Amino acid sequence: MRRSVYVNRPVKPPKGPRRRLVDAGLLAAHGLGVPLTIVLTVGGTLGLCVLVYGAINLLYNRSIARDVQAVATEAALRENTEQVSKAAEQMSKATQEMSKQRGSPGSLTDEVRERLRAATVLIVAQQQDGWRSEGTGFIVSPDGLIATSAHVIDYGRTREVGLVLDSGTERVRWTTPQIAYCPPPPPVDSDRQSTEEAGQDIALLRIAVSEALPALPLGSASKVGETEDVIAVGFPLGTALDASGSGPVPSFAKGAVSRIQRGPDGGVILVEHSASLEGGNSGGPLVLPDGAVIGVNVGTAGERISAAVPADRVSEAVASLGLRPSSPAPQPGQTQP
């Protein structure tokens, strides 16, 4: 039996095809008469070289694998980063679009602001004693019905009432309305009205129209809570702020509901709020950010406290005439009454 030439070698011999190649070389050398010591030395050196080559080859392959893995990981991270950036950009655009459509809390969208401007009118009343009072009104039905405060027209005792549509624009026009509804004056003339008297401070005017007018929807003050955002629209100081010669531009004052005054039956009498009011604001609409009218501004109830008659009184006055005011647009899932 032939003895293996790898006996007592300090280096582990190669396996497989490489070992057969080394064995064949060593046996051939030994058959040619090469001394066994030399054969063993050459065989060991060759085997060591084969092992070193295998180790280097293994390390090289592992290095390539790590590089490939690193490149793949970097590419995946880059792709994920790009996807996240695109998603963030799309979310930002969607948020901006929603903000543009809805407006920030307490603010008005451009569409609602333009509708309020078009439906808010300036009222000029010539009193019996020669004094002239100025106030605000707003259109409540497309056929020319306009709401204001009764005290603006002195509870119907004025000699003449004038009304300015599209004030502050090129379409400005003057017209003379008829009084359609007005409660009797308070029993006692006073600079300060009682809460009950202020709660009835509503008048309706009518003008002849040849086309439908932009009307504001009437909401209900009973559905409004304290701290809710509101906007007072009107003509503070009246024509004193007319800088263009075409009438003053409606002013917008932002505030919040501070208190809802209720009567013994639980009905709303007055809506107190923090939106600033000046002379000329009386009769103007107090609206929610969506443009729905919840009150008619009548004046101040104290320092930094403004007051408005609930829009429910306007709806009742319109109904007493056998008419129907504009209603807020139905919410999703609701139907128009």
C-alpha atoms as a PDB file:
ATOM      1  CA  MET A   1       0.000   0.000   0.000  1.00  0.00           C
ATOM      2  CA  ARG A   2       1.461   3.366  -1.035  1.00  0.00           C
ATOM      3  CA  ARG A   3       2.190   5.771   1.776  1.00  0.00           C
ATOM      4  CA  SER A   4       0.754   9.258   1.434  1.00  0.00           C
ATOM      5  CA  VAL A   5       3.322  11.957   0.861  1.00  0.00           C
ATOM      6  CA  TYR A   6       1.351  14.296   3.125  1.00  0.00           C
ATOM      7  CA  VAL A   7       2.128  12.381   6.354  1.00  0.00           C
ATOM      8  CA  ASN A   8       3.335  14.684   9.161  1.00  0.00           C
ATOM      9  CA  ARG A   9       2.878  17.843   7.025  1.00  0.00           C
ATOM     10  CA  PRO A  10       2.432  20.935   9.158  1.00  0.00           C
ATOM     11  CA  VAL A  11       0.021  22.531   6.642  1.00  0.00           C
ATOM     12  CA  LYS A  12      -3.438  21.151   5.932  1.00  0.00           C
ATOM     13  CA  PRO A  13      -3.447  19.739   2.393  1.00  0.00           C
ATOM     14  CA  PRO A  14      -5.859  21.048  -0.229  1.00  0.00           C
ATOM     15  CA  LYS A  15      -8.894  19.039  -1.152  1.00  0.00           C
ATOM     16  CA  GLY A  16     -10.694  18.093  -4.315  1.00  0.00           C
ATOM     17  CA  PRO A  17      -9.263  18.785  -7.773  1.00  0.00           C
ATOM     18  CA  ARG A  18      -6.422  20.876  -6.382  1.00  0.00           C
ATOM     19  CA  ARG A  19      -5.218  18.010  -4.204  1.00  0.00           C
ATOM     20  CA  ARG A  20      -5.291  15.560  -7.095  1.00  0.00           C
ATOM     21  CA  LEU A  21      -3.248  18.006  -9.146  1.00  0.00           C
ATOM     22  CA  VAL A  22      -0.650  18.369  -6.381  1.00  0.00           C
ATOM     23  CA  ASP A  23      -0.490  14.578  -5.823  1.00  0.00           C
ATOM     24  CA  ALA A  24       0.078  13.947  -9.495  1.00  0.00           C
ATOM     25  CA  GLY A  25       2.890  16.505  -9.622  1.00  0.00           C
ATOM     26  CA  LEU A  26       4.644  15.161  -6.578  1.00  0.00           C
ATOM     27  CA  LEU A  27       4.413  11.537  -7.700  1.00  0.00           C
ATOM     28  CA  ALA A  28       5.758  12.430 -11.097  1.00  0.00           C
ATOM     29  CA  ALA A  29       8.694  14.249  -9.541  1.00  0.00           C
ATOM     30  CA  HIS A  30       9.397  11.338  -7.215  1.00  0.00           C
ATOM     31  CA  GLY A  31       9.257   8.902 -10.151  1.00  0.00           C
ATOM     32  CA  LEU A  32      11.926  10.904 -11.945  1.00  0.00           C
ATOM     33  CA  GLY A  33      14.307  10.270  -9.098  1.00  0.00           C
ATOM     34  CA  VAL A  34      13.918  13.506  -7.230  1.00  0.00           C
ATOM     35  CA  PRO A  35      14.822  12.961  -3.555  1.00  0.00           C
ATOM     36  CA  LEU A  36      11.893  12.528  -1.224  1.00  0.00           C
ATOM     37  CA  THR A  37      12.998  15.468   0.948  1.00  0.00           C
ATOM     38  CA  ILE A  38      12.918  17.806  -2.011  1.00  0.00           C
ATOM     39  CA  VAL A  39       9.587  16.378  -3.139  1.00  0.00           C
ATOM     40  CA  LEU A  40       8.113  16.894   0.297  1.00  0.00           C
ATOM     41  CA  THR A  41       9.515  20.424   0.503  1.00  0.00           C
ATOM     42  CA  VAL A  42       8.163  21.354  -2.923  1.00  0.00           C
ATOM     43  CA  GLY A  43       4.836  19.677  -2.184  1.00  0.00           C
ATOM     44  CA  GLY A  44       4.462  21.523   1.098  1.00  0.00           C
ATOM     45  CA  THR A  45       5.326  24.846  -0.521  1.00  0.00           C
ATOM     46  CA  LEU A  46       2.920  24.242  -3.347  1.00  0.00           C
ATOM     47  CA  GLY A  47       0.175  23.213  -0.951  1.00  0.00           C
ATOM     48  CA  LEU A  48       0.810  26.314   1.128  1.00  0.00           C
ATOM     49  CA  CYS A  49       0.576  28.460  -2.000  1.00  0.00           C
ATOM     50  CA  VAL A  50      -2.682  26.805  -2.896  1.00  0.00           C
ATOM     51  CA  LEU A  51      -4.033  27.506   0.582  1.00  0.00           C
ATOM     52  CA  VAL A  52      -2.866  31.118   0.489  1.00  0.00           C
ATOM     53  CA  TYR A  53      -4.438  31.550  -2.940  1.00  0.00           C
ATOM     54  CA  GLY A  54      -7.712  30.097  -1.673  1.00  0.00           C
ATOM     55  CA  ALA A  55      -7.692  32.365   1.358  1.00  0.00           C
ATOM     56  CA  ILE A  56      -6.970  35.439  -0.777  1.00  0.00           C
ATOM     57  CA  ASN A  57      -9.667  34.408  -3.246  1.00  0.00           C
ATOM     58  CA  LEU A  58     -12.162  33.944  -0.399  1.00  0.00           C
ATOM     59  CA  LEU A  59     -11.359  37.330   1.122  1.00  0.00           C
ATOM     60  CA  TYR A  60     -11.588  38.976  -2.284  1.00  0.00           C
ATOM     61  CA  ASN A  61     -14.987  37.428  -2.960  1.00  0.00           C
ATOM     62  CA  ARG A  62     -16.216  38.490   0.465  1.00  0.00           C
ATOM     63  CA  SER A  63     -14.949  42.021  -0.148  1.00  0.00           C
ATOM     64  CA  ILE A  64     -16.776  42.160  -3.466  1.00  0.00           C
ATOM     65  CA  ALA A  65     -19.924  40.845  -1.805  1.00  0.00           C
ATOM     66  CA  ARG A  66     -19.684  43.527   0.891  1.00  0.00           C
ATOM     67  CA  ASP A  67     -19.163  46.217  -1.747  1.00  0.00           C
ATOM     68  CA  VAL A  68     -22.122  44.945  -3.750  1.00  0.00           C
ATOM     69  CA  GLN A  69     -24.263  44.844  -0.627  1.00  0.00           C
ATOM     70  CA  ALA A  70     -23.174  48.351   0.360  1.00  0.00           C
ATOM     71  CA  VAL A  71     -23.983  49.683  -3.106  1.00  0.00           C
ATOM     72  CA  ALA A  72     -27.379  47.945  -3.054  1.00  0.00           C
ATOM     73  CA  THR A  73     -28.104  49.318   0.431  1.00  0.00           C
ATOM     74  CA  GLU A  74     -27.119  52.835  -0.623  1.00  0.00           C
ATOM     75  CA  ALA A  75     -29.300  52.583  -3.729  1.00  0.00           C
ATOM     76  CA  ALA A  76     -32.243  51.349  -1.651  1.00  0.00           C
ATOM     77  CA  LEU A  77     -31.761  54.170   0.856  1.00  0.00           C
ATOM     78  CA  ARG A  78     -31.549  56.711  -1.947  1.00  0.00           C
ATOM     79  CA  GLU A  79     -34.737  55.334  -3.511  1.00  0.00           C
ATOM     80  CA  ASN A  80     -36.544  55.379  -0.173  1.00  0.00           C
ATOM     81  CA  THR A  81     -35.350  58.946   0.470  1.00  0.00           C
ATOM     82  CA  GLU A  82     -36.644  60.055  -2.915  1.00  0.00           C
ATOM     83  CA  GLN A  83     -39.991  58.371  -2.262  1.00  0.00           C
ATOM     84  CA  VAL A  84     -40.268  60.029   1.160  1.00  0.00           C
ATOM     85  CA  SER A  85     -39.380  63.420  -0.366  1.00  0.00           C
ATOM     86  CA  LYS A  86     -41.998  63.001  -3.084  1.00  0.00           C
ATOM     87  CA  ALA A  87     -44.608  61.943  -0.527  1.00  0.00           C
ATOM     88  CA  ALA A  88     -43.772  64.941   1.682  1.00  0.00           C
ATOM     89  CA  GLU A  89     -44.000  67.290  -1.295  1.00  0.00           C
ATOM     90  CA  GLN A  90     -47.376  65.861  -2.314  1.00  0.00           C
ATOM     91  CA  MET A  91     -48.642  66.156   1.277  1.00  0.00           C
ATOM     92  CA  SER A  92     -47.448  69.771   1.436  1.00  0.00           C
ATOM     93  CA  LYS A  93     -49.264  70.622  -1.791  1.00  0.00           C
ATOM     94  CA  ALA A  94     -52.432  68.897  -0.568  1.00  0.00           C
ATOM     95  CA  THR A  95     -52.249  70.781   2.740  1.00  0.00           C
ATOM     96  CA  GLN A  96     -51.801  74.101   0.943  1.00  0.00           C
ATOM     97  CA  GLU A  97     -54.752  73.333  -1.325  1.00  0.00           C
ATOM     98  CA  MET A  98     -56.956  72.405   1.633  1.00  0.00           C
ATOM     99  CA  SER A  99     -55.873  75.543   3.467  1.00  0.00           C
ATOM    100  CA  LYS A 100     -56.688  77.622   0.402  1.00  0.00           C
ATOM    101  CA  GLN A 101     -60.129  76.055   0.080  1.00  0.00           C
ATOM    102  CA  ARG A 102     -61.070  76.020   3.758  1.00  0.00           C
ATOM    103  CA  GLY A 103     -59.015  78.866   5.118  1.00  0.00           C
ATOM    104  CA  SER A 104     -57.280  78.910   8.450  1.00  0.00           C
ATOM    105  CA  PRO A 105     -59.403  78.840  11.640  1.00  0.00           C
ATOM    106  CA  GLY A 106     -61.423  82.034  11.925  1.00  0.00           C
ATOM    107  CA  SER A 107     -60.465  83.284   8.459  1.00  0.00           C
ATOM    108  CA  LEU A 108     -62.515  83.782   5.311  1.00  0.00           C
ATOM    109  CA  THR A 109     -61.816  82.212   1.950  1.00  0.00           C
ATOM    110  CA  ASP A 110     -61.631  84.526  -1.045  1.00  0.00           C
ATOM    111  CA  GLU A 111     -64.967  83.201  -2.293  1.00  0.00           C
ATOM    112  CA  VAL A 112     -66.768  83.905   0.992  1.00  0.00           C
ATOM    113  CA  ARG A 113     -65.128  87.331   1.336  1.00  0.00           C
ATOM    114  CA  GLU A 114     -66.268  88.397  -2.131  1.00  0.00           C
ATOM    115  CA  ARG A 115     -69.796  87.134  -1.447  1.00  0.00           C
ATOM    116  CA  LEU A 116     -69.934  89.160   1.773  1.00  0.00           C
ATOM    117  CA  ARG A 117     -68.708  92.280  -0.005  1.00  0.00           C
ATOM    118  CA  ALA A 118     -71.315  91.918  -2.739  1.00  0.00           C
ATOM    119  CA  ALA A 119     -74.205  91.291  -0.307  1.00  0.00           C
ATOM    120  CA  THR A 120     -73.365  94.001   2.268  1.00  0.00           C
ATOM    121  CA  VAL A 121     -74.958  97.408   1.601  1.00  0.00           C
ATOM    122  CA  LEU A 122     -74.546 100.931   2.950  1.00  0.00           C
ATOM    123  CA  ILE A 123     -77.667 102.609   4.377  1.00  0.00           C
ATOM    124  CA  VAL A 124     -78.071 106.368   4.704  1.00  0.00           C
ATOM    125  CA  ALA A 125     -81.139 107.663   6.563  1.00  0.00           C
ATOM    126  CA  GLN A 126     -82.315 111.270   6.764  1.00  0.00           C
ATOM    127  CA  GLN A 127     -83.889 111.823  10.155  1.00  0.00           C
ATOM    128  CA  GLN A 128     -86.895 114.065  10.892  1.00  0.00           C
ATOM    129  CA  ASP A 129     -84.741 116.488  12.837  1.00  0.00           C
ATOM    130  CA  GLY A 130     -82.349 116.920   9.935  1.00  0.00           C
ATOM    131  CA  TRP A 131     -79.660 114.605  11.232  1.00  0.00           C
ATOM    132  CA  ARG A 132     -78.308 111.920   8.954  1.00  0.00           C
ATOM    133  CA  SER A 133     -77.519 108.450  10.224  1.00  0.00           C
ATOM    134  CA  GLU A 134     -75.457 105.849   8.418  1.00  0.00           C
ATOM    135  CA  GLY A 135     -75.414 102.138   8.941  1.00  0.00           C
ATOM    136  CA  THR A 136     -75.085  98.766   7.278  1.00  0.00           C
ATOM    137  CA  GLY A 137     -77.484  96.204   5.865  1.00  0.00           C
ATOM    138  CA  PHE A 138     -77.196  92.903   4.032  1.00  0.00           C
ATOM    139  CA  ILE A 139     -79.214  91.101   1.380  1.00  0.00           C
ATOM    140  CA  VAL A 140     -81.185  88.125   2.703  1.00  0.00           C
ATOM    141  CA  SER A 141     -83.080  87.113  -0.440  1.00  0.00           C
ATOM    142  CA  PRO A 142     -82.212  87.453  -4.140  1.00  0.00           C
ATOM    143  CA  ASP A 143     -85.452  89.340  -4.864  1.00  0.00           C
ATOM    144  CA  GLY A 144     -84.282  92.439  -3.004  1.00  0.00           C
ATOM    145  CA  LEU A 145     -85.045  91.909   0.696  1.00  0.00           C
ATOM    146  CA  ILE A 146     -82.456  93.530   2.981  1.00  0.00           C
ATOM    147  CA  ALA A 147     -81.972  93.233   6.744  1.00  0.00           C
ATOM    148  CA  THR A 148     -80.636  95.972   9.002  1.00  0.00           C
ATOM    149  CA  SER A 149     -81.094  97.365  12.504  1.00  0.00           C
ATOM    150  CA  ALA A 150     -84.338  99.183  13.239  1.00  0.00           C
ATOM    151  CA  HIS A 151     -82.516 102.023  14.985  1.00  0.00           C
ATOM    152  CA  VAL A 152     -80.545 102.768  11.780  1.00  0.00           C
ATOM    153  CA  ILE A 153     -83.805 103.960  10.177  1.00  0.00           C
ATOM    154  CA  ASP A 154     -85.079 105.338  13.513  1.00  0.00           C
ATOM    155  CA  TYR A 155     -87.754 102.650  13.718  1.00  0.00           C
ATOM    156  CA  GLY A 156     -89.367 103.840  10.501  1.00  0.00           C
ATOM    157  CA  ARG A 157     -89.576 107.511  11.502  1.00  0.00           C
ATOM    158  CA  THR A 158     -86.963 108.727   9.016  1.00  0.00           C
ATOM    159  CA  ARG A 159     -87.939 111.115   6.219  1.00  0.00           C
ATOM    160  CA  GLU A 160     -85.875 109.296   3.595  1.00  0.00           C
ATOM    161  CA  VAL A 161     -83.769 106.181   3.364  1.00  0.00           C
ATOM    162  CA  GLY A 162     -81.088 105.639   0.752  1.00  0.00           C
ATOM    163  CA  LEU A 163     -79.264 102.429   0.006  1.00  0.00           C
ATOM    164  CA  VAL A 164     -75.923 101.933  -1.755  1.00  0.00           C
ATOM    165  CA  LEU A 165     -75.258  98.632  -3.534  1.00  0.00           C
ATOM    166  CA  ASP A 166     -71.735  97.488  -4.504  1.00  0.00           C
ATOM    167  CA  SER A 167     -70.210 100.293  -2.469  1.00  0.00           C
ATOM    168  CA  GLY A 168     -66.551 100.908  -3.193  1.00  0.00           C
ATOM    169  CA  THR A 169     -66.686  99.330  -6.661  1.00  0.00           C
ATOM    170  CA  GLU A 170     -67.230 100.536 -10.233  1.00  0.00           C
ATOM    171  CA  ARG A 171     -70.750  99.049 -10.080  1.00  0.00           C
ATOM    172  CA  VAL A 172     -71.794 101.291  -7.179  1.00  0.00           C
ATOM    173  CA  ARG A 173     -75.416 102.425  -7.434  1.00  0.00           C
ATOM    174  CA  TRP A 174     -77.892 104.279  -5.250  1.00  0.00           C
ATOM    175  CA  THR A 175     -81.492 103.218  -4.732  1.00  0.00           C
ATOM    176  CA  THR A 176     -84.419 104.065  -2.479  1.00  0.00           C
ATOM    177  CA  PRO A 177     -85.895 101.147  -0.518  1.00  0.00           C
ATOM    178  CA  GLN A 178     -89.294 100.647   1.032  1.00  0.00           C
ATOM    179  CA  ILE A 179     -89.664  99.595   4.657  1.00  0.00           C
ATOM    180  CA  ALA A 180     -91.071  96.059   4.630  1.00  0.00           C
ATOM    181  CA  TYR A 181     -90.835  95.292   8.351  1.00  0.00           C
ATOM    182  CA  CYS A 182     -90.002  97.364  11.400  1.00  0.00           C
ATOM    183  CA  PRO A 183     -91.043  96.999  15.061  1.00  0.00           C
ATOM    184  CA  PRO A 184     -92.438  99.965  16.962  1.00  0.00           C
ATOM    185  CA  PRO A 185     -89.938 102.208  18.729  1.00  0.00           C
ATOM    186  CA  PRO A 186     -89.115 101.510  22.383  1.00  0.00           C
ATOM    187  CA  PRO A 187     -91.597 102.974  24.886  1.00  0.00           C
ATOM    188  CA  VAL A 188     -88.993 105.280  26.369  1.00  0.00           C
ATOM    189  CA  ASP A 189     -86.402 106.999  24.221  1.00  0.00           C
ATOM    190  CA  SER A 190     -82.993 106.375  25.676  1.00  0.00           C
ATOM    191  CA  ASP A 191     -79.416 106.209  24.538  1.00  0.00           C
ATOM    192  CA  ARG A 192     -79.239 102.708  25.966  1.00  0.00           C
ATOM    193  CA  GLN A 193     -81.658  99.960  25.041  1.00  0.00           C
ATOM    194  CA  SER A 194     -82.668  97.194  27.391  1.00  0.00           C
ATOM    195  CA  THR A 195     -81.621  93.674  26.486  1.00  0.00           C
ATOM    196  CA  GLU A 196     -85.165  92.816  25.421  1.00  0.00           C
ATOM    197  CA  GLU A 197     -85.427  95.965  23.282  1.00  0.00           C
ATOM    198  CA  ALA A 198     -82.052  95.320  21.689  1.00  0.00           C
ATOM    199  CA  GLY A 199     -83.177  91.782  20.894  1.00  0.00           C
ATOM    200  CA  GLN A 200     -85.965  93.184  18.688  1.00  0.00           C
ATOM    201  CA  ASP A 201     -83.758  95.729  16.883  1.00  0.00           C
ATOM    202  CA  ILE A 202     -84.462  94.330  13.399  1.00  0.00           C
ATOM    203  CA  ALA A 203     -85.850  95.917  10.223  1.00  0.00           C
ATOM    204  CA  LEU A 204     -86.372  94.700   6.673  1.00  0.00           C
ATOM    205  CA  LEU A 205     -86.121  96.870   3.578  1.00  0.00           C
ATOM    206  CA  ARG A 206     -87.149  96.019   0.042  1.00  0.00           C
ATOM    207  CA  ILE A 207     -85.774  97.313  -3.246  1.00  0.00           C
ATOM    208  CA  ALA A 208     -86.897  96.721  -6.823  1.00  0.00           C
ATOM    209  CA  VAL A 209     -84.474  94.525  -8.761  1.00  0.00           C
ATOM    210  CA  SER A 210     -84.155  93.528 -12.392  1.00  0.00           C
ATOM    211  CA  GLU A 211     -81.897  90.569 -11.648  1.00  0.00           C
ATOM    212  CA  ALA A 212     -81.211  88.263  -8.726  1.00  0.00           C
ATOM    213  CA  LEU A 213     -78.988  89.742  -6.020  1.00  0.00           C
ATOM    214  CA  PRO A 214     -76.299  87.865  -4.063  1.00  0.00           C
ATOM    215  CA  ALA A 215     -77.886  86.910  -0.742  1.00  0.00           C
ATOM    216  CA  LEU A 216     -76.293  85.730   2.496  1.00  0.00           C
ATOM    217  CA  PRO A 217     -77.554  82.517   4.136  1.00  0.00           C
ATOM    218  CA  LEU A 218     -79.159  82.881   7.561  1.00  0.00           C
ATOM    219  CA  GLY A 219     -77.964  80.542  10.278  1.00  0.00           C
ATOM    220  CA  SER A 220     -79.104  80.138  13.880  1.00  0.00           C
ATOM    221  CA  ALA A 221     -77.415  81.707  16.892  1.00  0.00           C
ATOM    222  CA  SER A 222     -78.786  78.902  19.071  1.00  0.00           C
ATOM    223  CA  LYS A 223     -76.275  76.529  17.475  1.00  0.00           C
ATOM    224  CA  VAL A 224     -73.282  78.766  18.191  1.00  0.00           C
ATOM    225  CA  GLY A 225     -71.103  78.328  21.263  1.00  0.00           C
ATOM    226  CA  GLU A 226     -68.818  80.583  23.254  1.00  0.00           C
ATOM    227  CA  THR A 227     -65.295  81.159  21.850  1.00  0.00           C
ATOM    228  CA  GLU A 228     -66.476  80.364  18.322  1.00  0.00           C
ATOM    229  CA  ASP A 229     -64.826  82.535  15.659  1.00  0.00           C
ATOM    230  CA  VAL A 230     -66.973  85.251  14.091  1.00  0.00           C
ATOM    231  CA  ILE A 231     -66.467  88.163  11.677  1.00  0.00           C
ATOM    232  CA  ALA A 232     -68.346  91.461  11.759  1.00  0.00           C
ATOM    233  CA  VAL A 233     -68.891  93.046   8.330  1.00  0.00           C
ATOM    234  CA  GLY A 234     -69.960  96.633   7.851  1.00  0.00           C
ATOM    235  CA  PHE A 235     -69.106 100.267   7.183  1.00  0.00           C
ATOM    236  CA  PRO A 236     -67.522 101.693  10.353  1.00  0.00           C
ATOM    237  CA  LEU A 237     -67.824 105.502  10.341  1.00  0.00           C
ATOM    238  CA  GLY A 238     -69.939 105.227   7.173  1.00  0.00           C
ATOM    239  CA  THR A 239     -69.018 107.510   4.294  1.00  0.00           C
ATOM    240  CA  ALA A 240     -66.242 109.136   6.347  1.00  0.00           C
ATOM    241  CA  LEU A 241     -63.952 106.385   5.090  1.00  0.00           C
ATOM    242  CA  ASP A 242     -64.861 106.886   1.429  1.00  0.00           C
ATOM    243  CA  ALA A 243     -61.471 107.449  -0.191  1.00  0.00           C
ATOM    244  CA  SER A 244     -62.394 106.541  -3.768  1.00  0.00           C
ATOM    245  CA  GLY A 245     -65.536 108.596  -4.321  1.00  0.00           C
ATOM    246  CA  SER A 246     -67.489 105.447  -5.133  1.00  0.00           C
ATOM    247  CA  GLY A 247     -68.492 104.712  -1.566  1.00  0.00           C
ATOM    248  CA  PRO A 248     -66.618 103.079   1.311  1.00  0.00           C
ATOM    249  CA  VAL A 249     -65.410  99.496   1.089  1.00  0.00           C
ATOM    250  CA  PRO A 250     -66.890  97.023   3.613  1.00  0.00           C
ATOM    251  CA  SER A 251     -64.693  96.368   6.621  1.00  0.00           C
ATOM    252  CA  PHE A 252     -64.073  92.965   8.225  1.00  0.00           C
ATOM    253  CA  ALA A 253     -63.433  92.692  11.985  1.00  0.00           C
ATOM    254  CA  LYS A 254     -62.517  89.338  13.488  1.00  0.00           C
ATOM    255  CA  GLY A 255     -63.538  88.239  16.962  1.00  0.00           C
ATOM    256  CA  ALA A 256     -65.072  85.430  18.976  1.00  0.00           C
ATOM    257  CA  VAL A 257     -68.371  84.783  20.703  1.00  0.00           C
ATOM    258  CA  SER A 258     -67.980  85.677  24.374  1.00  0.00           C
ATOM    259  CA  ARG A 259     -71.502  84.989  25.668  1.00  0.00           C
ATOM    260  CA  ILE A 260     -74.947  83.912  24.488  1.00  0.00           C
ATOM    261  CA  GLN A 261     -77.696  85.773  26.362  1.00  0.00           C
ATOM    262  CA  ARG A 262     -80.882  83.717  26.637  1.00  0.00           C
ATOM    263  CA  GLY A 263     -84.376  84.559  27.764  1.00  0.00           C
ATOM    264  CA  PRO A 264     -86.565  82.676  30.270  1.00  0.00           C
ATOM    265  CA  ASP A 265     -87.732  80.333  27.501  1.00  0.00           C
ATOM    266  CA  GLY A 266     -84.148  79.487  26.555  1.00  0.00           C
ATOM    267  CA  GLY A 267     -84.259  81.441  23.306  1.00  0.00           C
ATOM    268  CA  VAL A 268     -81.269  83.572  22.306  1.00  0.00           C
ATOM    269  CA  ILE A 269     -81.759  87.300  22.927  1.00  0.00           C
ATOM    270  CA  LEU A 270     -78.303  88.680  22.201  1.00  0.00           C
ATOM    271  CA  VAL A 271     -74.951  87.390  21.003  1.00  0.00           C
ATOM    272  CA  GLU A 272     -72.012  89.082  22.720  1.00  0.00           C
ATOM    273  CA  HIS A 273     -68.725  88.983  20.838  1.00  0.00           C
ATOM    274  CA  SER A 274     -65.297  90.626  20.694  1.00  0.00           C
ATOM    275  CA  ALA A 275     -65.250  91.843  17.073  1.00  0.00           C
ATOM    276  CA  SER A 276     -64.718  95.603  17.093  1.00  0.00           C
ATOM    277  CA  LEU A 277     -67.748  97.755  16.170  1.00  0.00           C
ATOM    278  CA  GLU A 278     -67.884 101.459  15.372  1.00  0.00           C
ATOM    279  CA  GLY A 279     -70.644 103.841  14.368  1.00  0.00           C
ATOM    280  CA  GLY A 280     -71.799 102.678  10.956  1.00  0.00           C
ATOM    281  CA  ASN A 281     -71.469  98.956  11.769  1.00  0.00           C
ATOM    282  CA  SER A 282     -75.032  98.807  13.080  1.00  0.00           C
ATOM    283  CA  GLY A 283     -77.217  96.568  10.950  1.00  0.00           C
ATOM    284  CA  GLY A 284     -74.281  94.673   9.480  1.00  0.00           C
ATOM    285  CA  PRO A 285     -73.990  90.877   9.507  1.00  0.00           C
ATOM    286  CA  LEU A 286     -72.111  88.864  12.110  1.00  0.00           C
ATOM    287  CA  VAL A 287     -70.975  85.757  10.257  1.00  0.00           C
ATOM    288  CA  LEU A 288     -69.182  82.485  10.788  1.00  0.00           C
ATOM    289  CA  PRO A 289     -66.066  81.756   8.698  1.00  0.00           C
ATOM    290  CA  ASP A 290     -68.252  79.874   6.181  1.00  0.00           C
ATOM    291  CA  GLY A 291     -70.299  83.046   5.542  1.00  0.00           C
ATOM    292  CA  ALA A 292     -73.498  82.039   7.367  1.00  0.00           C
ATOM    293  CA  VAL A 293     -75.106  84.955   9.236  1.00  0.00           C
ATOM    294  CA  ILE A 294     -75.710  84.279  12.933  1.00  0.00           C
ATOM    295  CA  GLY A 295     -76.512  87.835  14.020  1.00  0.00           C
ATOM    296  CA  VAL A 296     -77.156  91.469  13.163  1.00  0.00           C
ATOM    297  CA  ASN A 297     -74.761  93.871  14.877  1.00  0.00           C
ATOM    298  CA  VAL A 298     -76.573  96.534  16.930  1.00  0.00           C
ATOM    299  CA  GLY A 299     -73.782  98.197  18.908  1.00  0.00           C
ATOM    300  CA  THR A 300     -71.702  97.744  22.027  1.00  0.00           C
ATOM    301  CA  ALA A 301     -72.799  96.325  25.374  1.00  0.00           C
ATOM    302  CA  GLY A 302     -69.833  97.648  27.325  1.00  0.00           C
ATOM    303  CA  GLU A 303     -66.115  98.202  26.989  1.00  0.00           C
ATOM    304  CA  ARG A 304     -64.753  95.844  24.318  1.00  0.00           C
ATOM    305  CA  ILE A 305     -68.066  93.978  24.221  1.00  0.00           C
ATOM    306  CA  SER A 306     -70.096  94.073  21.020  1.00  0.00           C
ATOM    307  CA  ALA A 307     -73.659  92.847  20.644  1.00  0.00           C
ATOM    308  CA  ALA A 308     -75.710  91.338  17.853  1.00  0.00           C
ATOM    309  CA  VAL A 309     -79.351  90.373  17.523  1.00  0.00           C
ATOM    310  CA  PRO A 310     -79.605  86.648  16.678  1.00  0.00           C
ATOM    311  CA  ALA A 311     -80.228  85.910  13.007  1.00  0.00           C
ATOM    312  CA  ASP A 312     -83.212  83.852  14.166  1.00  0.00           C
ATOM    313  CA  ARG A 313     -85.122  87.155  14.588  1.00  0.00           C
ATOM    314  CA  VAL A 314     -84.432  87.990  10.945  1.00  0.00           C
ATOM    315  CA  SER A 315     -85.750  84.600   9.835  1.00  0.00           C
ATOM    316  CA  GLU A 316     -88.892  85.168  11.913  1.00  0.00           C
ATOM    317  CA  ALA A 317     -89.401  88.639  10.411  1.00  0.00           C
ATOM    318  CA  VAL A 318     -88.968  87.285   6.890  1.00  0.00           C
ATOM    319  CA  ALA A 319     -91.427  84.466   7.626  1.00  0.00           C
ATOM    320  CA  SER A 320     -93.971  86.982   8.925  1.00  0.00           C
ATOM    321  CA  LEU A 321     -93.992  88.475   5.439  1.00  0.00           C
ATOM    322  CA  GLY A 322     -94.744  85.085   3.937  1.00  0.00           C
ATOM    323  CA  LEU A 323     -91.256  84.928   2.439  1.00  0.00           C
ATOM    324  CA  ARG A 324     -88.361  82.544   2.722  1.00  0.00           C
ATOM    325  CA  PRO A 325     -84.799  83.734   3.370  1.00  0.00           C
ATOM    326  CA  SER A 326     -81.646  82.140   2.015  1.00  0.00           C
ATOM    327  CA  SER A 327     -80.407  79.129   3.967  1.00  0.00           C
ATOM    328  CA  PRO A 328     -76.881  77.866   4.559  1.00  0.00           C
ATOM    329  CA  ALA A 329     -75.630  75.361   2.002  1.00  0.00           C
ATOM    330  CA  PRO A 330     -76.372  71.776   3.134  1.00  0.00           C
ATOM    331  CA  GLN A 331     -73.532  69.785   4.574  1.00  0.00           C
ATOM    332  CA  PRO A 332     -72.497  66.437   3.032  1.00  0.00           C
ATOM    333  CA  GLY A 333     -75.190  63.874   3.767  1.00  0.00           C
ATOM    334  CA  GLN A 334     -77.856  66.536   4.314  1.00  0.00           C
ATOM    335  CA  THR A 335     -80.585  67.735   1.964  1.00  0.00           C
ATOM    336  CA  GLN A 336     -81.725  71.286   1.395  1.00  0.00           C
ATOM    337  CA  PRO A 337     -85.030  71.918   3.289  1.00  0.00           C
END
